[in-house]
């Protein structure tokens, strides 16, 4: 006799995950959602460490993909193909869910009419004590807290999609995103295109186990997130219409102010023009003042010194965003795509 299909199919894509997997899978096993309401599928993306063995100790099913590694978009799609649930929940291999994470997913689904996708946020207790890991994971939570409600994006670190909506949207774009990039954001846009509705529920939480290092974070932010995101926005003619999570309408102004300030500071050094120093400092001060609410939030959680240390990293984010916009415009033109005139206007100020 065939067992009834579970409500949730939890899919964990993983490559070389032996370091995190015991902790993340044990946390899933400790979920307070009754076990007959969910299944666990681990997709081992051509790992050469002990990932497969560890997964076999916890998962209902382990899918082992042949080398070379295909990336999380491909792995998640294969997991969905093997799933039986009405909803598919994606949990990253380096995310340690809370005992109530899966239950809160199902509660959000039940209580929200018309909901087709839901995702949560990292929690307020990143396990790695390093400043950069604390800052990045807490910033993620801050953004998702302030974006709570209906959105036009998706996050696959700890989120769920109605299986029928996922299939209708075409799943993750595994051809375009063969490594971890913005495949979940792009899926969110396609879900919205087809009339499906996604919501952020920050009470759905998990701890991010990753340890961030400066140069790795810089490379990830610029090459795997910012530039691909700019290209996606250009293709969808959204670069001049920022809205939604991470795309507040004031953000382009802040990017322009920081980039202008850096240019003025450079000219101050090269041309010895001290008169340019004051407008540069003023532009940076405007950005800092506009983000005081965020700095206060960090201060409440980690203290004033931590909040002060956040400021240069926040300004660096805007500088990288400026580099990403210019790089994205250049790549878009090289590929022979039309760039909206308004996008050029915004890029040059």
Protein backbone atom coordinates (compact mmCIF):
# COMPACT_ATOMS: atom_id res chain seq x y z
CA UNK A 1 0.00 0.00 0.00
CA UNK A 2 1.42 3.41 -1.01
CA UNK A 3 1.97 5.86 1.83
CA UNK A 4 0.00 9.12 1.57
CA UNK A 5 1.92 12.02 0.09
CA UNK A 6 3.39 14.40 2.69
CA UNK A 7 2.39 18.04 2.81
CA UNK A 8 6.02 19.25 2.54
CA UNK A 9 8.92 17.86 0.57
CA UNK A 10 12.06 19.33 2.14
CA UNK A 11 14.90 19.51 -0.39
CA UNK A 12 18.50 20.11 0.65
CA UNK A 13 21.00 20.63 -2.21
CA UNK A 14 24.58 20.07 -1.13
CA UNK A 15 28.10 19.96 -2.57
CA UNK A 16 31.03 19.06 -0.30
CA UNK A 17 28.82 19.56 2.74
CA UNK A 18 30.36 17.17 5.26
CA UNK A 19 31.31 20.10 7.50
CA UNK A 20 27.76 21.46 7.92
CA UNK A 21 25.47 18.58 7.05
CA UNK A 22 25.46 16.69 10.39
CA UNK A 23 24.29 19.84 12.18
CA UNK A 24 21.79 21.01 9.57
CA UNK A 25 20.19 17.59 9.04
CA UNK A 26 20.04 16.90 12.80
CA UNK A 27 18.20 20.20 13.20
CA UNK A 28 15.69 19.19 10.54
CA UNK A 29 15.21 15.84 12.27
CA UNK A 30 14.38 17.72 15.49
CA UNK A 31 11.55 19.65 13.81
CA UNK A 32 8.30 19.70 15.73
CA UNK A 33 6.22 19.27 12.57
CA UNK A 34 4.86 15.71 12.69
CA UNK A 35 7.13 13.45 10.65
CA UNK A 36 4.33 12.08 8.52
CA UNK A 37 3.71 15.60 7.17
CA UNK A 38 7.10 16.01 5.51
CA UNK A 39 9.78 14.08 3.68
CA UNK A 40 13.49 14.88 3.46
CA UNK A 41 15.32 14.67 0.13
CA UNK A 42 19.04 15.44 0.02
CA UNK A 43 20.56 16.04 -3.41
CA UNK A 44 24.29 15.31 -3.34
CA UNK A 45 25.78 17.35 -6.17
CA UNK A 46 28.85 15.26 -7.03
CA UNK A 47 30.51 15.55 -3.60
CA UNK A 48 33.80 13.75 -3.01
CA UNK A 49 33.75 14.02 0.80
CA UNK A 50 31.48 12.18 3.24
CA UNK A 51 28.36 14.10 2.19
CA UNK A 52 26.59 11.05 0.73
CA UNK A 53 27.14 8.90 3.80
CA UNK A 54 26.01 11.62 6.19
CA UNK A 55 22.92 12.31 4.11
CA UNK A 56 22.04 8.62 4.10
CA UNK A 57 21.89 8.62 7.89
CA UNK A 58 19.13 11.25 7.95
CA UNK A 59 17.30 11.56 4.64
CA UNK A 60 14.29 9.65 3.36
CA UNK A 61 15.97 9.74 -0.02
CA UNK A 62 19.41 10.72 -1.28
CA UNK A 63 19.88 11.66 -4.93
CA UNK A 64 23.50 11.42 -6.03
CA UNK A 65 24.38 13.48 -9.11
CA UNK A 66 27.35 12.55 -11.32
CA UNK A 67 30.41 14.78 -11.67
CA UNK A 68 30.99 17.55 -12.44
CA UNK A 69 28.94 19.53 -9.96
CA UNK A 70 25.95 21.22 -11.59
CA UNK A 71 25.08 23.87 -9.00
CA UNK A 72 22.20 24.32 -6.57
CA UNK A 73 19.63 25.32 -9.23
CA UNK A 74 20.13 22.00 -11.03
CA UNK A 75 20.21 20.04 -7.77
CA UNK A 76 17.00 21.61 -6.45
CA UNK A 77 15.20 20.89 -9.72
CA UNK A 78 16.19 17.22 -9.51
CA UNK A 79 14.97 17.14 -5.93
CA UNK A 80 11.59 18.55 -6.94
CA UNK A 81 11.27 15.91 -9.66
CA UNK A 82 11.68 13.21 -7.01
CA UNK A 83 9.35 14.86 -4.48
CA UNK A 84 5.80 13.89 -3.52
CA UNK A 85 4.66 16.88 -1.46
CA UNK A 86 2.03 19.45 -2.28
CA UNK A 87 4.66 22.03 -1.32
CA UNK A 88 8.45 21.91 -1.82
CA UNK A 89 10.59 23.51 0.89
CA UNK A 90 14.20 24.42 0.11
CA UNK A 91 16.72 24.51 2.96
CA UNK A 92 20.39 25.27 2.27
CA UNK A 93 22.86 22.72 3.58
CA UNK A 94 24.53 25.36 5.78
CA UNK A 95 21.29 26.52 7.41
CA UNK A 96 20.36 25.13 10.83
CA UNK A 97 16.60 25.43 11.13
CA UNK A 98 14.81 26.03 14.40
CA UNK A 99 12.57 23.26 15.77
CA UNK A 100 9.50 25.24 14.70
CA UNK A 101 10.74 26.33 11.24
CA UNK A 102 8.84 23.75 9.19
CA UNK A 103 5.73 24.08 11.33
CA UNK A 104 5.74 27.86 10.92
CA UNK A 105 6.06 27.41 7.17
CA UNK A 106 2.93 25.27 7.12
CA UNK A 107 1.10 27.69 9.44
CA UNK A 108 1.93 30.62 7.16
CA UNK A 109 0.67 28.64 4.18
CA UNK A 110 -2.60 27.74 5.89
CA UNK A 111 -3.36 31.20 7.29
CA UNK A 112 -2.58 33.23 4.14
CA UNK A 113 -5.15 32.92 1.36
CA UNK A 114 -3.67 32.94 -2.12
CA UNK A 115 -0.11 32.34 -0.93
CA UNK A 116 2.06 30.39 -3.41
CA UNK A 117 5.53 30.88 -1.92
CA UNK A 118 6.87 31.82 1.49
CA UNK A 119 10.32 32.33 2.94
CA UNK A 120 11.87 33.43 6.18
CA UNK A 121 15.15 34.93 7.34
CA UNK A 122 18.35 34.17 9.18
CA UNK A 123 17.99 34.45 12.94
CA UNK A 124 19.68 36.88 15.36
CA UNK A 125 22.28 34.39 16.60
CA UNK A 126 24.77 33.57 13.82
CA UNK A 127 27.03 30.86 15.27
CA UNK A 128 30.29 32.16 13.78
CA UNK A 129 31.61 34.88 16.14
CA UNK A 130 33.57 36.81 13.49
CA UNK A 131 32.42 40.37 12.83
CA UNK A 132 31.85 39.83 9.10
CA UNK A 133 29.72 36.72 9.64
CA UNK A 134 27.71 38.47 12.33
CA UNK A 135 27.22 41.58 10.20
CA UNK A 136 26.20 39.83 6.98
CA UNK A 137 23.76 37.44 8.60
CA UNK A 138 22.20 40.11 10.80
CA UNK A 139 21.91 42.45 7.79
CA UNK A 140 20.04 39.69 5.98
CA UNK A 141 17.60 39.50 8.89
CA UNK A 142 17.19 43.28 9.02
CA UNK A 143 16.33 43.45 5.32
CA UNK A 144 13.82 40.61 5.58
CA UNK A 145 12.24 42.07 8.73
CA UNK A 146 11.68 45.37 6.95
CA UNK A 147 10.42 43.64 3.83
CA UNK A 148 7.92 41.39 5.62
CA UNK A 149 4.74 40.81 3.65
CA UNK A 150 4.12 40.28 -0.03
CA UNK A 151 7.17 40.53 -2.32
CA UNK A 152 8.11 39.78 -5.91
CA UNK A 153 11.18 37.69 -5.12
CA UNK A 154 12.12 34.41 -3.45
CA UNK A 155 14.85 33.08 -1.17
CA UNK A 156 15.79 29.41 -1.40
CA UNK A 157 17.89 29.33 1.78
CA UNK A 158 14.77 28.69 3.85
CA UNK A 159 11.62 28.94 1.76
CA UNK A 160 8.78 26.93 0.28
CA UNK A 161 6.84 27.00 -2.99
CA UNK A 162 3.61 25.33 -3.98
CA UNK A 163 4.74 22.45 -6.20
CA UNK A 164 2.24 23.29 -8.94
CA UNK A 165 3.40 26.94 -9.00
CA UNK A 166 7.05 25.87 -9.13
CA UNK A 167 6.34 23.64 -12.13
CA UNK A 168 4.23 26.29 -13.87
CA UNK A 169 7.04 28.83 -13.51
CA UNK A 170 9.57 26.39 -14.97
CA UNK A 171 11.65 25.78 -11.85
CA UNK A 172 15.11 27.22 -11.29
CA UNK A 173 17.02 28.34 -14.38
CA UNK A 174 19.78 25.74 -14.16
CA UNK A 175 21.29 26.69 -17.53
CA UNK A 176 21.79 30.34 -16.67
CA UNK A 177 22.93 29.73 -13.09
CA UNK A 178 25.34 26.77 -12.96
CA UNK A 179 26.74 27.96 -9.61
CA UNK A 180 25.20 29.68 -6.57
CA UNK A 181 24.05 33.11 -7.73
CA UNK A 182 20.62 34.74 -7.89
CA UNK A 183 18.66 31.76 -9.21
CA UNK A 184 16.10 32.12 -6.43
CA UNK A 185 15.53 35.83 -7.08
CA UNK A 186 15.03 35.14 -10.78
CA UNK A 187 12.54 32.37 -9.96
CA UNK A 188 10.66 34.81 -7.75
CA UNK A 189 10.28 37.23 -10.65
CA UNK A 190 8.89 34.48 -12.88
CA UNK A 191 6.47 33.39 -10.19
CA UNK A 192 5.15 36.96 -10.00
CA UNK A 193 4.97 37.16 -13.82
CA UNK A 194 2.54 34.25 -13.74
CA UNK A 195 0.36 35.74 -11.04
CA UNK A 196 1.69 33.71 -8.12
CA UNK A 197 2.11 35.42 -4.74
CA UNK A 198 5.15 35.22 -2.44
CA UNK A 199 5.44 36.42 1.16
CA UNK A 200 8.24 37.00 3.66
CA UNK A 201 7.47 35.69 7.15
CA UNK A 202 10.52 36.55 9.31
CA UNK A 203 9.32 34.29 12.13
CA UNK A 204 10.41 31.40 9.90
CA UNK A 205 14.07 31.29 10.94
CA UNK A 206 17.32 29.44 10.57
CA UNK A 207 20.91 30.03 11.65
CA UNK A 208 23.48 30.45 8.87
CA UNK A 209 26.48 28.27 9.68
CA UNK A 210 28.80 29.77 7.07
CA UNK A 211 31.94 31.62 8.09
CA UNK A 212 32.39 34.69 5.91
CA UNK A 213 35.82 36.05 4.97
CA UNK A 214 36.36 39.50 3.48
CA UNK A 215 37.64 38.70 -0.01
CA UNK A 216 35.24 35.81 -0.47
CA UNK A 217 32.33 38.03 0.57
CA UNK A 218 33.52 40.78 -1.80
CA UNK A 219 33.73 38.36 -4.71
CA UNK A 220 30.34 36.84 -3.93
CA UNK A 221 28.64 40.22 -3.59
CA UNK A 222 30.03 41.61 -6.83
CA UNK A 223 30.32 38.65 -9.20
CA UNK A 224 27.61 36.29 -7.99
CA UNK A 225 24.96 38.74 -6.82
CA UNK A 226 25.26 42.39 -7.81
CA UNK A 227 26.34 42.12 -11.46
CA UNK A 228 23.99 39.19 -12.30
CA UNK A 229 21.18 41.10 -10.58
CA UNK A 230 21.85 44.26 -12.61
CA UNK A 231 21.85 42.19 -15.80
CA UNK A 232 18.55 40.61 -14.81
CA UNK A 233 17.00 44.00 -14.03
CA UNK A 234 18.22 45.39 -17.36
CA UNK A 235 16.74 42.49 -19.26
CA UNK A 236 13.43 43.00 -17.48
CA UNK A 237 13.61 46.80 -17.89
CA UNK A 238 13.45 47.27 -14.12
CA UNK A 239 16.79 48.97 -13.51
CA UNK A 240 15.16 52.42 -13.26
CA UNK A 241 12.13 51.19 -11.31
CA UNK A 242 13.59 49.85 -8.07
CA UNK A 243 11.08 48.38 -5.65
CA UNK A 244 10.74 45.46 -3.29
CA UNK A 245 13.29 43.60 -1.20
CA UNK A 246 16.84 45.09 -1.51
CA UNK A 247 15.58 47.55 -4.13
CA UNK A 248 14.11 50.44 -2.16
CA UNK A 249 13.47 53.58 -4.18
CA UNK A 250 16.06 55.56 -2.20
CA UNK A 251 18.87 53.09 -2.89
CA UNK A 252 19.95 54.49 -6.32
CA UNK A 253 20.34 57.92 -4.73
CA UNK A 254 22.56 56.49 -2.00
CA UNK A 255 24.64 54.60 -4.55
CA UNK A 256 25.12 57.80 -6.57
CA UNK A 257 26.08 59.79 -3.46
CA UNK A 258 28.70 57.27 -2.31
CA UNK A 259 30.22 56.93 -5.79
CA UNK A 260 30.31 60.72 -6.19
CA UNK A 261 31.96 61.05 -2.77
CA UNK A 262 34.64 58.50 -3.67
CA UNK A 263 35.32 60.30 -6.95
CA UNK A 264 35.65 63.62 -5.12
CA UNK A 265 38.01 62.08 -2.57
CA UNK A 266 40.14 60.68 -5.39
CA UNK A 267 40.29 64.07 -7.08
CA UNK A 268 41.21 65.63 -3.74
CA UNK A 269 44.25 63.34 -3.51
CA UNK A 270 45.30 63.55 -7.15
CA UNK A 271 44.70 67.23 -7.80
CA UNK A 272 45.30 68.39 -4.23
CA UNK A 273 41.92 70.13 -4.32
CA UNK A 274 41.02 70.53 -0.66
CA UNK A 275 37.81 72.32 -1.63
CA UNK A 276 36.42 68.97 -2.86
CA UNK A 277 36.81 67.33 0.53
CA UNK A 278 33.81 69.00 2.17
CA UNK A 279 31.23 67.98 -0.48
CA UNK A 280 32.61 64.44 -0.40
CA UNK A 281 32.21 64.21 3.37
CA UNK A 282 28.76 65.80 3.13
CA UNK A 283 27.60 63.20 0.57
CA UNK A 284 28.78 60.34 2.79
CA UNK A 285 27.16 61.94 5.83
CA UNK A 286 23.80 62.11 4.02
CA UNK A 287 23.96 58.36 3.37
CA UNK A 288 24.95 57.57 6.95
CA UNK A 289 22.15 59.72 8.38
CA UNK A 290 19.60 58.12 6.05
CA UNK A 291 20.55 54.69 7.44
CA UNK A 292 20.47 55.62 11.14
CA UNK A 293 17.50 53.34 11.73
CA UNK A 294 19.53 50.35 10.59
CA UNK A 295 22.55 51.33 12.70
CA UNK A 296 20.32 51.70 15.76
CA UNK A 297 18.96 48.20 15.13
CA UNK A 298 22.51 46.80 15.06
CA UNK A 299 23.33 48.76 18.22
CA UNK A 300 20.38 47.23 20.06
CA UNK A 301 21.52 43.74 19.14
CA UNK A 302 25.32 44.01 19.38
CA UNK A 303 26.18 47.35 20.94
CA UNK A 304 27.34 50.75 19.77
CA UNK A 305 30.86 49.77 18.74
CA UNK A 306 29.51 47.02 16.51
CA UNK A 307 27.09 49.49 14.90
CA UNK A 308 29.94 51.95 14.24
CA UNK A 309 31.95 49.16 12.58
CA UNK A 310 28.98 48.46 10.31
CA UNK A 311 29.11 51.94 8.73
CA UNK A 312 32.19 51.46 6.47
CA UNK A 313 30.89 48.09 5.31
CA UNK A 314 27.54 49.67 4.52
CA UNK A 315 29.26 52.38 2.46
CA UNK A 316 31.33 49.71 0.72
CA UNK A 317 28.07 48.00 -0.28
CA UNK A 318 26.94 51.15 -2.08
CA UNK A 319 30.31 51.52 -3.80
CA UNK A 320 30.15 47.91 -5.01
CA UNK A 321 26.61 48.52 -6.23
CA UNK A 322 27.88 51.41 -8.33
CA UNK A 323 30.59 49.20 -9.84
CA UNK A 324 27.95 46.55 -10.50
CA UNK A 325 25.64 48.97 -12.32
CA UNK A 326 28.41 50.17 -14.63
CA UNK A 327 29.72 46.63 -15.19
CA UNK A 328 26.23 45.32 -15.83
CA UNK A 329 25.51 48.07 -18.35
CA UNK A 330 28.78 47.31 -20.15
CA UNK A 331 28.12 43.55 -20.27
CA UNK A 332 24.57 44.17 -21.42
CA UNK A 333 25.84 46.29 -24.32
CA UNK A 334 28.57 43.76 -25.21
CA UNK A 335 25.88 41.11 -25.48
CA UNK A 336 24.06 43.31 -27.97
CA UNK A 337 21.06 44.10 -25.79
CA UNK A 338 19.19 47.39 -25.88
CA UNK A 339 19.73 49.57 -22.82
CA UNK A 340 16.84 51.88 -21.86
CA UNK A 341 17.83 55.54 -22.18
CA UNK A 342 16.67 56.13 -18.63
CA UNK A 343 19.11 53.49 -17.40
CA UNK A 344 22.03 55.32 -19.00
CA UNK A 345 20.82 58.56 -17.42
CA UNK A 346 20.73 56.96 -13.96
CA UNK A 347 24.15 55.35 -14.41
CA UNK A 348 25.87 58.66 -15.24
CA UNK A 349 23.97 60.59 -12.59
